[in-house]
Amino acid sequence: LRELLREVLREELLRELLRELLRELLRELLREELLREELLREELLREELLREELLREERLRGFVILGTIPLNVKC
């Protein structure tokens, strides 16, 4: 009977350890996913800023080609 009880307790302990490991794994996966999302947001922001900068340069180049730069141009 003691041996049976010991075996049951051992199995229960192993199940609890496995649950804890799975919880930790899920937390780590969530952290990685959040980090990937943050990096993607930063990359999208950099691309948007670059697009805006290129548009400003194009506008200025167009004004220079025409020979006039209006005073109210926002750069």
Protein backbone atom coordinates (compact mmCIF):
# COMPACT_ATOMS: atom_id res chain seq x y z
CA LEU A 1 0.00 0.00 0.00
CA ARG A 2 2.86 2.39 0.84
CA GLU A 3 4.52 1.66 -2.45
CA LEU A 4 1.29 2.39 -4.29
CA LEU A 5 0.85 5.65 -2.39
CA ARG A 6 4.46 6.60 -3.14
CA GLU A 7 3.92 5.91 -6.84
CA VAL A 8 0.73 7.99 -6.92
CA LEU A 9 2.48 10.89 -5.18
CA ARG A 10 5.42 10.67 -7.55
CA GLU A 11 3.10 10.77 -10.56
CA GLU A 12 1.21 13.71 -9.12
CA LEU A 13 4.47 15.56 -8.50
CA LEU A 14 5.60 14.86 -12.05
CA ARG A 15 2.29 16.13 -13.44
CA GLU A 16 2.61 19.32 -11.39
CA LEU A 17 6.18 19.85 -12.60
CA LEU A 18 5.05 19.33 -16.17
CA ARG A 19 2.23 21.86 -15.74
CA GLU A 20 4.68 24.39 -14.34
CA LEU A 21 7.08 23.83 -17.23
CA LEU A 22 4.25 24.28 -19.71
CA ARG A 23 3.16 27.52 -18.03
CA GLU A 24 6.72 28.82 -18.19
CA LEU A 25 6.99 27.85 -21.84
CA LEU A 26 3.74 29.67 -22.63
CA ARG A 27 4.95 32.78 -20.81
CA GLU A 28 8.19 32.70 -22.79
CA LEU A 29 6.32 32.26 -26.08
CA LEU A 30 4.08 35.20 -25.22
CA ARG A 31 7.10 37.38 -24.40
CA GLU A 32 8.68 36.46 -27.74
CA GLU A 33 5.46 37.21 -29.61
CA LEU A 34 5.12 40.59 -27.89
CA LEU A 35 8.72 41.39 -28.74
CA ARG A 36 8.16 40.45 -32.39
CA GLU A 37 5.09 42.69 -32.52
CA GLU A 38 7.05 45.58 -31.01
CA LEU A 39 9.87 45.12 -33.54
CA LEU A 40 7.35 45.03 -36.37
CA ARG A 41 5.73 48.27 -35.14
CA GLU A 42 9.15 49.94 -34.99
CA GLU A 43 9.98 48.76 -38.52
CA LEU A 44 6.66 50.06 -39.85
CA LEU A 45 7.28 53.40 -38.16
CA ARG A 46 10.78 53.62 -39.70
CA GLU A 47 9.32 52.86 -43.15
CA GLU A 48 6.64 55.53 -42.70
CA LEU A 49 9.24 58.11 -41.62
CA LEU A 50 11.41 57.22 -44.60
CA ARG A 51 8.42 57.58 -46.96
CA GLU A 52 7.64 61.00 -45.51
CA GLU A 53 11.28 62.07 -45.90
CA LEU A 54 11.34 60.89 -49.53
CA LEU A 55 8.11 62.79 -50.26
CA ARG A 56 9.58 65.97 -48.76
CA GLU A 57 12.71 65.58 -50.89
CA GLU A 58 10.60 65.01 -54.02
CA ARG A 59 8.53 68.12 -53.32
CA LEU A 60 11.65 70.23 -52.79
CA ARG A 61 13.26 68.82 -55.92
CA GLY A 62 10.12 69.68 -57.88
CA PHE A 63 10.18 73.27 -56.62
CA VAL A 64 13.88 73.63 -57.43
CA ILE A 65 13.28 72.32 -60.96
CA LEU A 66 10.52 74.88 -61.43
CA GLY A 67 12.86 77.55 -60.06
CA THR A 68 10.55 78.61 -57.26
CA ILE A 69 10.28 77.57 -53.64
CA PRO A 70 7.11 78.91 -52.02
CA LEU A 71 7.67 80.42 -48.59
CA ASN A 72 4.91 78.38 -46.98
CA VAL A 73 6.32 74.94 -47.88
CA LYS A 74 6.34 72.66 -44.85
CA CYS A 75 9.41 70.46 -44.81
